């Protein structure tokens, strides 16, 4: 079995400012993702509905979530809601790309 240090943690993160006067959240999400991109050891991939993150450990994921929240608070948002889903796999190293490729491989078998 591989050590936890060589394994990747993958997470799916959604952040939303509450109480803004518009239905558009793009600028707030952009600010949050920019802050997350400053976290060393984190890889982010934005999607239309959230952000997928990859890191070597949970601490990095949590640091990115905190950075995103603190950025929106610093912009004057008084309430921030988020959802975080974590896949902390310890048996072998897996990346975001590996996971997508695995699903695509299985789809070809259908």
PDB file of N, CA and C in Angstrom:
ATOM      1  N   UNK A   1       0.840  -1.185   0.000  1.00  0.00           N
ATOM      2  CA  UNK A   1       0.000   0.000   0.000  1.00  0.00           C
ATOM      3  C   UNK A   1       0.882   1.244   0.000  1.00  0.00           C
ATOM      4  N   UNK A   2       0.472   2.248  -0.758  1.00  0.00           N
ATOM      5  CA  UNK A   2       1.226   3.497  -0.826  1.00  0.00           C
ATOM      6  C   UNK A   2       1.072   4.290   0.457  1.00  0.00           C
ATOM      7  N   UNK A   3       2.038   5.121   0.727  1.00  0.00           N
ATOM      8  CA  UNK A   3       1.922   6.002   1.889  1.00  0.00           C
ATOM      9  C   UNK A   3       0.961   7.135   1.581  1.00  0.00           C
ATOM     10  N   UNK A   4       0.386   7.706   2.616  1.00  0.00           N
ATOM     11  CA  UNK A   4      -0.567   8.801   2.435  1.00  0.00           C
ATOM     12  C   UNK A   4       0.087   9.999   1.755  1.00  0.00           C
ATOM     13  N   UNK A   5       1.393  10.188   1.960  1.00  0.00           N
ATOM     14  CA  UNK A   5       2.080  11.329   1.360  1.00  0.00           C
ATOM     15  C   UNK A   5       2.050  11.299  -0.165  1.00  0.00           C
ATOM     16  N   UNK A   6       2.059  10.100  -0.754  1.00  0.00           N
ATOM     17  CA  UNK A   6       2.091  10.009  -2.213  1.00  0.00           C
ATOM     18  C   UNK A   6       0.688  10.054  -2.821  1.00  0.00           C
ATOM     19  N   UNK A   7      -0.340  10.003  -2.003  1.00  0.00           N
ATOM     20  CA  UNK A   7      -1.708   9.977  -2.498  1.00  0.00           C
ATOM     21  C   UNK A   7      -2.259  11.381  -2.676  1.00  0.00           C
ATOM     22  N   UNK A   8      -3.222  11.485  -3.532  1.00  0.00           N
ATOM     23  CA  UNK A   8      -3.873  12.758  -3.780  1.00  0.00           C
ATOM     24  C   UNK A   8      -5.222  12.803  -3.073  1.00  0.00           C
ATOM     25  N   UNK A   9      -5.587  13.984  -2.621  1.00  0.00           N
ATOM     26  CA  UNK A   9      -6.919  14.242  -2.106  1.00  0.00           C
ATOM     27  C   UNK A   9      -7.624  15.074  -3.160  1.00  0.00           C
ATOM     28  N   UNK A  10      -8.801  14.639  -3.544  1.00  0.00           N
ATOM     29  CA  UNK A  10      -9.603  15.366  -4.515  1.00  0.00           C
ATOM     30  C   UNK A  10     -10.827  15.916  -3.800  1.00  0.00           C
ATOM     31  N   UNK A  11     -11.217  17.129  -4.144  1.00  0.00           N
ATOM     32  CA  UNK A  11     -12.384  17.729  -3.503  1.00  0.00           C
ATOM     33  C   UNK A  11     -13.184  18.530  -4.520  1.00  0.00           C
ATOM     34  N   UNK A  12     -14.480  18.605  -4.271  1.00  0.00           N
ATOM     35  CA  UNK A  12     -15.379  19.419  -5.088  1.00  0.00           C
ATOM     36  C   UNK A  12     -15.929  20.503  -4.176  1.00  0.00           C
ATOM     37  N   UNK A  13     -15.800  21.755  -4.602  1.00  0.00           N
ATOM     38  CA  UNK A  13     -16.108  22.895  -3.749  1.00  0.00           C
ATOM     39  C   UNK A  13     -17.041  23.866  -4.464  1.00  0.00           C
ATOM     40  N   UNK A  14     -18.087  24.242  -3.761  1.00  0.00           N
ATOM     41  CA  UNK A  14     -19.036  25.243  -4.254  1.00  0.00           C
ATOM     42  C   UNK A  14     -19.095  26.352  -3.211  1.00  0.00           C
ATOM     43  N   UNK A  15     -18.970  27.581  -3.663  1.00  0.00           N
ATOM     44  CA  UNK A  15     -19.049  28.719  -2.748  1.00  0.00           C
ATOM     45  C   UNK A  15     -20.068  29.718  -3.274  1.00  0.00           C
ATOM     46  N   UNK A  16     -20.836  30.307  -2.353  1.00  0.00           N
ATOM     47  CA  UNK A  16     -21.862  31.266  -2.756  1.00  0.00           C
ATOM     48  C   UNK A  16     -21.983  32.385  -1.730  1.00  0.00           C
ATOM     49  N   UNK A  17     -21.875  33.619  -2.196  1.00  0.00           N
ATOM     50  CA  UNK A  17     -22.123  34.746  -1.295  1.00  0.00           C
ATOM     51  C   UNK A  17     -23.626  34.877  -1.057  1.00  0.00           C
ATOM     52  N   UNK A  18     -24.002  35.195   0.150  1.00  0.00           N
ATOM     53  CA  UNK A  18     -25.419  35.345   0.487  1.00  0.00           C
ATOM     54  C   UNK A  18     -25.702  36.825   0.737  1.00  0.00           C
ATOM     55  N   UNK A  19     -26.843  37.289   0.234  1.00  0.00           N
ATOM     56  CA  UNK A  19     -27.259  38.656   0.498  1.00  0.00           C
ATOM     57  C   UNK A  19     -26.780  39.676  -0.515  1.00  0.00           C
ATOM     58  N   UNK A  20     -26.293  39.214  -1.667  1.00  0.00           N
ATOM     59  CA  UNK A  20     -25.890  40.168  -2.701  1.00  0.00           C
ATOM     60  C   UNK A  20     -27.137  40.600  -3.459  1.00  0.00           C
ATOM     61  N   UNK A  21     -27.052  41.735  -4.116  1.00  0.00           N
ATOM     62  CA  UNK A  21     -28.226  42.322  -4.762  1.00  0.00           C
ATOM     63  C   UNK A  21     -28.420  41.874  -6.210  1.00  0.00           C
ATOM     64  N   UNK A  22     -27.659  40.896  -6.640  1.00  0.00           N
ATOM     65  CA  UNK A  22     -27.717  40.441  -8.021  1.00  0.00           C
ATOM     66  C   UNK A  22     -27.781  38.920  -8.062  1.00  0.00           C
ATOM     67  N   UNK A  23     -28.285  38.383  -9.158  1.00  0.00           N
ATOM     68  CA  UNK A  23     -28.264  36.937  -9.333  1.00  0.00           C
ATOM     69  C   UNK A  23     -26.922  36.467  -9.877  1.00  0.00           C
ATOM     70  N   UNK A  24     -26.081  37.389 -10.314  1.00  0.00           N
ATOM     71  CA  UNK A  24     -24.774  37.051 -10.860  1.00  0.00           C
ATOM     72  C   UNK A  24     -23.744  36.917  -9.734  1.00  0.00           C
ATOM     73  N   UNK A  25     -23.032  35.787  -9.734  1.00  0.00           N
ATOM     74  CA  UNK A  25     -22.013  35.548  -8.717  1.00  0.00           C
ATOM     75  C   UNK A  25     -20.621  35.403  -9.312  1.00  0.00           C
ATOM     76  N   UNK A  26     -20.487  35.551 -10.615  1.00  0.00           N
ATOM     77  CA  UNK A  26     -19.228  35.295 -11.303  1.00  0.00           C
ATOM     78  C   UNK A  26     -18.039  36.039 -10.735  1.00  0.00           C
ATOM     79  N   UNK A  27     -18.205  37.302 -10.416  1.00  0.00           N
ATOM     80  CA  UNK A  27     -17.061  38.073  -9.914  1.00  0.00           C
ATOM     81  C   UNK A  27     -16.634  37.586  -8.532  1.00  0.00           C
ATOM     82  N   UNK A  28     -17.594  37.158  -7.719  1.00  0.00           N
ATOM     83  CA  UNK A  28     -17.258  36.639  -6.389  1.00  0.00           C
ATOM     84  C   UNK A  28     -16.574  35.280  -6.487  1.00  0.00           C
ATOM     85  N   UNK A  29     -17.089  34.435  -7.359  1.00  0.00           N
ATOM     86  CA  UNK A  29     -16.466  33.126  -7.558  1.00  0.00           C
ATOM     87  C   UNK A  29     -15.047  33.302  -8.094  1.00  0.00           C
ATOM     88  N   UNK A  30     -14.879  34.228  -9.018  1.00  0.00           N
ATOM     89  CA  UNK A  30     -13.541  34.499  -9.572  1.00  0.00           C
ATOM     90  C   UNK A  30     -12.580  34.937  -8.472  1.00  0.00           C
ATOM     91  N   UNK A  31     -13.026  35.787  -7.583  1.00  0.00           N
ATOM     92  CA  UNK A  31     -12.175  36.242  -6.475  1.00  0.00           C
ATOM     93  C   UNK A  31     -11.819  35.070  -5.555  1.00  0.00           C
ATOM     94  N   UNK A  32     -12.795  34.212  -5.285  1.00  0.00           N
ATOM     95  CA  UNK A  32     -12.548  33.055  -4.420  1.00  0.00           C
ATOM     96  C   UNK A  32     -11.554  32.095  -5.065  1.00  0.00           C
ATOM     97  N   UNK A  33     -11.739  31.804  -6.344  1.00  0.00           N
ATOM     98  CA  UNK A  33     -10.835  30.882  -7.040  1.00  0.00           C
ATOM     99  C   UNK A  33      -9.436  31.486  -7.154  1.00  0.00           C
ATOM    100  N   UNK A  34      -9.345  32.780  -7.376  1.00  0.00           N
ATOM    101  CA  UNK A  34      -8.033  33.437  -7.422  1.00  0.00           C
ATOM    102  C   UNK A  34      -7.299  33.267  -6.100  1.00  0.00           C
ATOM    103  N   UNK A  35      -8.018  33.399  -5.005  1.00  0.00           N
ATOM    104  CA  UNK A  35      -7.402  33.208  -3.681  1.00  0.00           C
ATOM    105  C   UNK A  35      -6.964  31.758  -3.497  1.00  0.00           C
ATOM    106  N   UNK A  36      -7.777  30.832  -3.956  1.00  0.00           N
ATOM    107  CA  UNK A  36      -7.435  29.411  -3.850  1.00  0.00           C
ATOM    108  C   UNK A  36      -6.191  29.094  -4.678  1.00  0.00           C
ATOM    109  N   UNK A  37      -6.065  29.721  -5.828  1.00  0.00           N
ATOM    110  CA  UNK A  37      -4.910  29.482  -6.696  1.00  0.00           C
ATOM    111  C   UNK A  37      -3.596  29.935  -6.059  1.00  0.00           C
ATOM    112  N   UNK A  38      -3.665  30.761  -5.029  1.00  0.00           N
ATOM    113  CA  UNK A  38      -2.465  31.215  -4.311  1.00  0.00           C
ATOM    114  C   UNK A  38      -1.965  30.183  -3.306  1.00  0.00           C
ATOM    115  N   UNK A  39      -2.778  29.178  -3.017  1.00  0.00           N
ATOM    116  CA  UNK A  39      -2.396  28.159  -2.037  1.00  0.00           C
ATOM    117  C   UNK A  39      -1.394  27.202  -2.679  1.00  0.00           C
ATOM    118  N   UNK A  40      -0.232  27.091  -2.062  1.00  0.00           N
ATOM    119  CA  UNK A  40       0.836  26.241  -2.592  1.00  0.00           C
ATOM    120  C   UNK A  40       0.435  24.766  -2.523  1.00  0.00           C
ATOM    121  N   UNK A  41       0.681  24.051  -3.610  1.00  0.00           N
ATOM    122  CA  UNK A  41       0.404  22.623  -3.655  1.00  0.00           C
ATOM    123  C   UNK A  41      -1.007  22.269  -4.049  1.00  0.00           C
ATOM    124  N   UNK A  42      -1.793  23.253  -4.461  1.00  0.00           N
ATOM    125  CA  UNK A  42      -3.179  23.017  -4.844  1.00  0.00           C
ATOM    126  C   UNK A  42      -3.338  23.153  -6.351  1.00  0.00           C
ATOM    127  N   UNK A  43      -4.074  22.246  -6.928  1.00  0.00           N
ATOM    128  CA  UNK A  43      -4.436  22.335  -8.339  1.00  0.00           C
ATOM    129  C   UNK A  43      -5.949  22.508  -8.390  1.00  0.00           C
ATOM    130  N   UNK A  44      -6.408  23.502  -9.141  1.00  0.00           N
ATOM    131  CA  UNK A  44      -7.842  23.782  -9.262  1.00  0.00           C
ATOM    132  C   UNK A  44      -8.291  23.662 -10.711  1.00  0.00           C
ATOM    133  N   UNK A  45      -9.507  23.205 -10.874  1.00  0.00           N
ATOM    134  CA  UNK A  45     -10.135  23.180 -12.186  1.00  0.00           C
ATOM    135  C   UNK A  45     -11.575  23.643 -12.010  1.00  0.00           C
ATOM    136  N   UNK A  46     -11.901  24.792 -12.600  1.00  0.00           N
ATOM    137  CA  UNK A  46     -13.259  25.289 -12.460  1.00  0.00           C
ATOM    138  C   UNK A  46     -14.178  24.552 -13.429  1.00  0.00           C
ATOM    139  N   UNK A  47     -15.416  24.388 -13.005  1.00  0.00           N
ATOM    140  CA  UNK A  47     -16.464  23.794 -13.828  1.00  0.00           C
ATOM    141  C   UNK A  47     -17.630  24.773 -13.822  1.00  0.00           C
ATOM    142  N   UNK A  48     -18.655  24.543 -14.619  1.00  0.00           N
ATOM    143  CA  UNK A  48     -19.783  25.483 -14.620  1.00  0.00           C
ATOM    144  C   UNK A  48     -20.516  25.581 -13.277  1.00  0.00           C
ATOM    145  N   UNK A  49     -20.376  24.571 -12.422  1.00  0.00           N
ATOM    146  CA  UNK A  49     -21.147  24.546 -11.183  1.00  0.00           C
ATOM    147  C   UNK A  49     -20.300  24.500  -9.909  1.00  0.00           C
ATOM    148  N   UNK A  50     -18.989  24.481 -10.026  1.00  0.00           N
ATOM    149  CA  UNK A  50     -18.135  24.396  -8.850  1.00  0.00           C
ATOM    150  C   UNK A  50     -16.684  24.266  -9.260  1.00  0.00           C
ATOM    151  N   UNK A  51     -15.829  24.025  -8.291  1.00  0.00           N
ATOM    152  CA  UNK A  51     -14.397  23.908  -8.532  1.00  0.00           C
ATOM    153  C   UNK A  51     -13.905  22.569  -7.992  1.00  0.00           C
ATOM    154  N   UNK A  52     -13.137  21.865  -8.807  1.00  0.00           N
ATOM    155  CA  UNK A  52     -12.508  20.623  -8.377  1.00  0.00           C
ATOM    156  C   UNK A  52     -11.083  20.963  -7.962  1.00  0.00           C
ATOM    157  N   UNK A  53     -10.682  20.425  -6.813  1.00  0.00           N
ATOM    158  CA  UNK A  53      -9.341  20.685  -6.290  1.00  0.00           C
ATOM    159  C   UNK A  53      -8.601  19.373  -6.098  1.00  0.00           C
ATOM    160  N   UNK A  54      -7.270  19.466  -6.187  1.00  0.00           N
ATOM    161  CA  UNK A  54      -6.418  18.307  -5.958  1.00  0.00           C
ATOM    162  C   UNK A  54      -5.214  18.765  -5.153  1.00  0.00           C
ATOM    163  N   UNK A  55      -4.878  17.972  -4.145  1.00  0.00           N
ATOM    164  CA  UNK A  55      -3.715  18.291  -3.304  1.00  0.00           C
ATOM    165  C   UNK A  55      -3.157  17.004  -2.722  1.00  0.00           C
ATOM    166  N   UNK A  56      -1.981  17.102  -2.122  1.00  0.00           N
ATOM    167  CA  UNK A  56      -1.374  15.935  -1.494  1.00  0.00           C
ATOM    168  C   UNK A  56      -1.948  15.646  -0.112  1.00  0.00           C
ATOM    169  N   UNK A  57      -2.663  16.595   0.471  1.00  0.00           N
ATOM    170  CA  UNK A  57      -3.210  16.373   1.806  1.00  0.00           C
ATOM    171  C   UNK A  57      -4.429  17.236   2.095  1.00  0.00           C
ATOM    172  N   UNK A  58      -5.154  16.838   3.116  1.00  0.00           N
ATOM    173  CA  UNK A  58      -6.358  17.558   3.530  1.00  0.00           C
ATOM    174  C   UNK A  58      -6.077  18.995   3.944  1.00  0.00           C
ATOM    175  N   UNK A  59      -4.941  19.218   4.586  1.00  0.00           N
ATOM    176  CA  UNK A  59      -4.627  20.555   5.082  1.00  0.00           C
ATOM    177  C   UNK A  59      -4.650  21.578   3.955  1.00  0.00           C
ATOM    178  N   UNK A  60      -4.139  21.193   2.801  1.00  0.00           N
ATOM    179  CA  UNK A  60      -4.104  22.104   1.659  1.00  0.00           C
ATOM    180  C   UNK A  60      -5.508  22.416   1.169  1.00  0.00           C
ATOM    181  N   UNK A  61      -6.364  21.408   1.136  1.00  0.00           N
ATOM    182  CA  UNK A  61      -7.768  21.615   0.730  1.00  0.00           C
ATOM    183  C   UNK A  61      -8.443  22.589   1.691  1.00  0.00           C
ATOM    184  N   UNK A  62      -8.268  22.352   2.990  1.00  0.00           N
ATOM    185  CA  UNK A  62      -8.889  23.216   3.987  1.00  0.00           C
ATOM    186  C   UNK A  62      -8.346  24.645   3.922  1.00  0.00           C
ATOM    187  N   UNK A  63      -7.054  24.772   3.658  1.00  0.00           N
ATOM    188  CA  UNK A  63      -6.445  26.094   3.512  1.00  0.00           C
ATOM    189  C   UNK A  63      -7.070  26.845   2.329  1.00  0.00           C
ATOM    190  N   UNK A  64      -7.324  26.140   1.240  1.00  0.00           N
ATOM    191  CA  UNK A  64      -7.937  26.761   0.062  1.00  0.00           C
ATOM    192  C   UNK A  64      -9.363  27.209   0.344  1.00  0.00           C
ATOM    193  N   UNK A  65     -10.120  26.381   1.044  1.00  0.00           N
ATOM    194  CA  UNK A  65     -11.500  26.738   1.400  1.00  0.00           C
ATOM    195  C   UNK A  65     -11.504  27.976   2.296  1.00  0.00           C
ATOM    196  N   UNK A  66     -10.616  27.999   3.271  1.00  0.00           N
ATOM    197  CA  UNK A  66     -10.521  29.161   4.160  1.00  0.00           C
ATOM    198  C   UNK A  66     -10.147  30.413   3.372  1.00  0.00           C
ATOM    199  N   UNK A  67      -9.206  30.294   2.448  1.00  0.00           N
ATOM    200  CA  UNK A  67      -8.793  31.447   1.638  1.00  0.00           C
ATOM    201  C   UNK A  67      -9.971  31.980   0.816  1.00  0.00           C
ATOM    202  N   UNK A  68     -10.759  31.081   0.261  1.00  0.00           N
ATOM    203  CA  UNK A  68     -11.924  31.498  -0.532  1.00  0.00           C
ATOM    204  C   UNK A  68     -12.938  32.241   0.336  1.00  0.00           C
ATOM    205  N   UNK A  69     -13.238  31.681   1.504  1.00  0.00           N
ATOM    206  CA  UNK A  69     -14.186  32.326   2.415  1.00  0.00           C
ATOM    207  C   UNK A  69     -13.678  33.695   2.862  1.00  0.00           C
ATOM    208  N   UNK A  70     -12.436  33.752   3.287  1.00  0.00           N
ATOM    209  CA  UNK A  70     -11.878  35.011   3.793  1.00  0.00           C
ATOM    210  C   UNK A  70     -11.834  36.088   2.715  1.00  0.00           C
ATOM    211  N   UNK A  71     -11.634  35.688   1.482  1.00  0.00           N
ATOM    212  CA  UNK A  71     -11.623  36.653   0.379  1.00  0.00           C
ATOM    213  C   UNK A  71     -12.989  37.292   0.201  1.00  0.00           C
ATOM    214  N   UNK A  72     -14.040  36.486   0.250  1.00  0.00           N
ATOM    215  CA  UNK A  72     -15.388  37.059   0.093  1.00  0.00           C
ATOM    216  C   UNK A  72     -15.767  37.923   1.289  1.00  0.00           C
ATOM    217  N   UNK A  73     -15.373  37.503   2.479  1.00  0.00           N
ATOM    218  CA  UNK A  73     -15.626  38.322   3.671  1.00  0.00           C
ATOM    219  C   UNK A  73     -14.904  39.666   3.538  1.00  0.00           C
ATOM    220  N   UNK A  74     -13.676  39.643   3.043  1.00  0.00           N
ATOM    221  CA  UNK A  74     -12.898  40.879   2.858  1.00  0.00           C
ATOM    222  C   UNK A  74     -13.536  41.794   1.821  1.00  0.00           C
ATOM    223  N   UNK A  75     -14.321  41.219   0.910  1.00  0.00           N
ATOM    224  CA  UNK A  75     -15.024  42.026  -0.094  1.00  0.00           C
ATOM    225  C   UNK A  75     -16.350  42.575   0.422  1.00  0.00           C
ATOM    226  N   UNK A  76     -16.630  42.331   1.701  1.00  0.00           N
ATOM    227  CA  UNK A  76     -17.830  42.902   2.301  1.00  0.00           C
ATOM    228  C   UNK A  76     -19.021  41.964   2.381  1.00  0.00           C
ATOM    229  N   UNK A  77     -18.855  40.723   1.972  1.00  0.00           N
ATOM    230  CA  UNK A  77     -19.944  39.757   2.082  1.00  0.00           C
ATOM    231  C   UNK A  77     -20.042  39.339   3.546  1.00  0.00           C
ATOM    232  N   UNK A  78     -21.240  39.436   4.116  1.00  0.00           N
ATOM    233  CA  UNK A  78     -21.418  39.137   5.530  1.00  0.00           C
ATOM    234  C   UNK A  78     -21.789  37.683   5.795  1.00  0.00           C
ATOM    235  N   UNK A  79     -22.185  36.974   4.728  1.00  0.00           N
ATOM    236  CA  UNK A  79     -22.537  35.559   4.876  1.00  0.00           C
ATOM    237  C   UNK A  79     -22.082  34.808   3.637  1.00  0.00           C
ATOM    238  N   UNK A  80     -21.357  33.719   3.861  1.00  0.00           N
ATOM    239  CA  UNK A  80     -20.850  32.894   2.766  1.00  0.00           C
ATOM    240  C   UNK A  80     -21.254  31.451   3.049  1.00  0.00           C
ATOM    241  N   UNK A  81     -21.859  30.805   2.055  1.00  0.00           N
ATOM    242  CA  UNK A  81     -22.210  29.392   2.175  1.00  0.00           C
ATOM    243  C   UNK A  81     -21.363  28.591   1.201  1.00  0.00           C
ATOM    244  N   UNK A  82     -20.986  27.399   1.622  1.00  0.00           N
ATOM    245  CA  UNK A  82     -20.219  26.550   0.726  1.00  0.00           C
ATOM    246  C   UNK A  82     -20.526  25.085   0.976  1.00  0.00           C
ATOM    247  N   UNK A  83     -20.201  24.290  -0.029  1.00  0.00           N
ATOM    248  CA  UNK A  83     -20.324  22.838   0.047  1.00  0.00           C
ATOM    249  C   UNK A  83     -18.967  22.263  -0.326  1.00  0.00           C
ATOM    250  N   UNK A  84     -18.506  21.292   0.445  1.00  0.00           N
ATOM    251  CA  UNK A  84     -17.220  20.662   0.189  1.00  0.00           C
ATOM    252  C   UNK A  84     -17.398  19.150   0.239  1.00  0.00           C
ATOM    253  N   UNK A  85     -17.027  18.492  -0.848  1.00  0.00           N
ATOM    254  CA  UNK A  85     -17.050  17.031  -0.917  1.00  0.00           C
ATOM    255  C   UNK A  85     -15.607  16.583  -1.103  1.00  0.00           C
ATOM    256  N   UNK A  86     -15.155  15.671  -0.247  1.00  0.00           N
ATOM    257  CA  UNK A  86     -13.753  15.251  -0.256  1.00  0.00           C
ATOM    258  C   UNK A  86     -13.636  13.763  -0.547  1.00  0.00           C
ATOM    259  N   UNK A  87     -12.700  13.430  -1.439  1.00  0.00           N
ATOM    260  CA  UNK A  87     -12.319  12.046  -1.685  1.00  0.00           C
ATOM    261  C   UNK A  87     -10.874  11.903  -1.226  1.00  0.00           C
ATOM    262  N   UNK A  88     -10.688  11.304  -0.069  1.00  0.00           N
ATOM    263  CA  UNK A  88      -9.369  11.135   0.542  1.00  0.00           C
ATOM    264  C   UNK A  88      -8.986   9.665   0.398  1.00  0.00           C
ATOM    265  N   UNK A  89      -8.428   9.321  -0.740  1.00  0.00           N
ATOM    266  CA  UNK A  89      -8.089   7.937  -1.045  1.00  0.00           C
ATOM    267  C   UNK A  89      -6.660   7.652  -0.605  1.00  0.00           C
ATOM    268  N   UNK A  90      -6.477   6.614   0.204  1.00  0.00           N
ATOM    269  CA  UNK A  90      -5.171   6.317   0.773  1.00  0.00           C
ATOM    270  C   UNK A  90      -4.519   5.055   0.205  1.00  0.00           C
ATOM    271  N   UNK A  91      -5.230   4.292  -0.638  1.00  0.00           N
ATOM    272  CA  UNK A  91      -4.646   3.037  -1.101  1.00  0.00           C
ATOM    273  C   UNK A  91      -3.727   3.194  -2.302  1.00  0.00           C
ATOM    274  N   UNK A  92      -3.942   4.230  -3.120  1.00  0.00           N
ATOM    275  CA  UNK A  92      -3.044   4.479  -4.243  1.00  0.00           C
ATOM    276  C   UNK A  92      -3.217   5.917  -4.709  1.00  0.00           C
ATOM    277  N   UNK A  93      -2.154   6.471  -5.275  1.00  0.00           N
ATOM    278  CA  UNK A  93      -2.252   7.864  -5.742  1.00  0.00           C
ATOM    279  C   UNK A  93      -3.167   7.966  -6.959  1.00  0.00           C
ATOM    280  N   UNK A  94      -4.098   8.906  -6.904  1.00  0.00           N
ATOM    281  CA  UNK A  94      -5.002   9.156  -8.028  1.00  0.00           C
ATOM    282  C   UNK A  94      -5.104  10.661  -8.229  1.00  0.00           C
ATOM    283  N   UNK A  95      -5.185  11.078  -9.467  1.00  0.00           N
ATOM    284  CA  UNK A  95      -5.325  12.496  -9.789  1.00  0.00           C
ATOM    285  C   UNK A  95      -6.708  12.733 -10.387  1.00  0.00           C
ATOM    286  N   UNK A  96      -7.055  13.999 -10.546  1.00  0.00           N
ATOM    287  CA  UNK A  96      -8.326  14.342 -11.195  1.00  0.00           C
ATOM    288  C   UNK A  96      -8.378  13.718 -12.576  1.00  0.00           C
ATOM    289  N   UNK A  97      -7.278  13.839 -13.297  1.00  0.00           N
ATOM    290  CA  UNK A  97      -7.213  13.316 -14.657  1.00  0.00           C
ATOM    291  C   UNK A  97      -7.386  11.797 -14.674  1.00  0.00           C
ATOM    292  N   UNK A  98      -6.744  11.099 -13.737  1.00  0.00           N
ATOM    293  CA  UNK A  98      -6.896   9.645 -13.644  1.00  0.00           C
ATOM    294  C   UNK A  98      -8.359   9.243 -13.497  1.00  0.00           C
ATOM    295  N   UNK A  99      -9.067   9.967 -12.645  1.00  0.00           N
ATOM    296  CA  UNK A  99     -10.466   9.633 -12.377  1.00  0.00           C
ATOM    297  C   UNK A  99     -11.330   9.819 -13.619  1.00  0.00           C
ATOM    298  N   UNK A 100     -11.111  10.900 -14.326  1.00  0.00           N
ATOM    299  CA  UNK A 100     -11.873  11.158 -15.554  1.00  0.00           C
ATOM    300  C   UNK A 100     -11.557  10.094 -16.599  1.00  0.00           C
ATOM    301  N   UNK A 101     -10.275   9.791 -16.756  1.00  0.00           N
ATOM    302  CA  UNK A 101      -9.872   8.776 -17.728  1.00  0.00           C
ATOM    303  C   UNK A 101     -10.472   7.410 -17.398  1.00  0.00           C
ATOM    304  N   UNK A 102     -10.577   7.074 -16.127  1.00  0.00           N
ATOM    305  CA  UNK A 102     -11.165   5.810 -15.715  1.00  0.00           C
ATOM    306  C   UNK A 102     -12.632   5.731 -16.128  1.00  0.00           C
ATOM    307  N   UNK A 103     -13.368   6.800 -15.914  1.00  0.00           N
ATOM    308  CA  UNK A 103     -14.783   6.811 -16.308  1.00  0.00           C
ATOM    309  C   UNK A 103     -14.913   6.704 -17.829  1.00  0.00           C
ATOM    310  N   UNK A 104     -14.076   7.437 -18.553  1.00  0.00           N
ATOM    311  CA  UNK A 104     -14.117   7.372 -20.020  1.00  0.00           C
ATOM    312  C   UNK A 104     -13.811   5.963 -20.520  1.00  0.00           C
ATOM    313  N   UNK A 105     -12.863   5.301 -19.870  1.00  0.00           N
ATOM    314  CA  UNK A 105     -12.519   3.930 -20.244  1.00  0.00           C
ATOM    315  C   UNK A 105     -13.735   3.017 -20.047  1.00  0.00           C
ATOM    316  N   UNK A 106     -14.410   3.168 -18.927  1.00  0.00           N
ATOM    317  CA  UNK A 106     -15.599   2.355 -18.671  1.00  0.00           C
ATOM    318  C   UNK A 106     -16.731   2.669 -19.636  1.00  0.00           C
ATOM    319  N   UNK A 107     -16.840   3.918 -20.044  1.00  0.00           N
ATOM    320  CA  UNK A 107     -17.890   4.298 -20.999  1.00  0.00           C
ATOM    321  C   UNK A 107     -17.681   3.626 -22.343  1.00  0.00           C
ATOM    322  N   UNK A 108     -16.430   3.448 -22.730  1.00  0.00           N
ATOM    323  CA  UNK A 108     -16.125   2.774 -24.006  1.00  0.00           C
ATOM    324  C   UNK A 108     -16.550   1.307 -23.968  1.00  0.00           C
ATOM    325  N   UNK A 109     -16.622   0.754 -22.758  1.00  0.00           N
ATOM    326  CA  UNK A 109     -16.993  -0.642 -22.613  1.00  0.00           C
ATOM    327  C   UNK A 109     -18.504  -0.858 -22.657  1.00  0.00           C
ATOM    328  N   UNK A 110     -19.266   0.198 -22.627  1.00  0.00           N
ATOM    329  CA  UNK A 110     -20.737   0.081 -22.638  1.00  0.00           C
ATOM    330  C   UNK A 110     -21.264  -0.311 -24.000  1.00  0.00           C
TER     331      UNK A 110
END
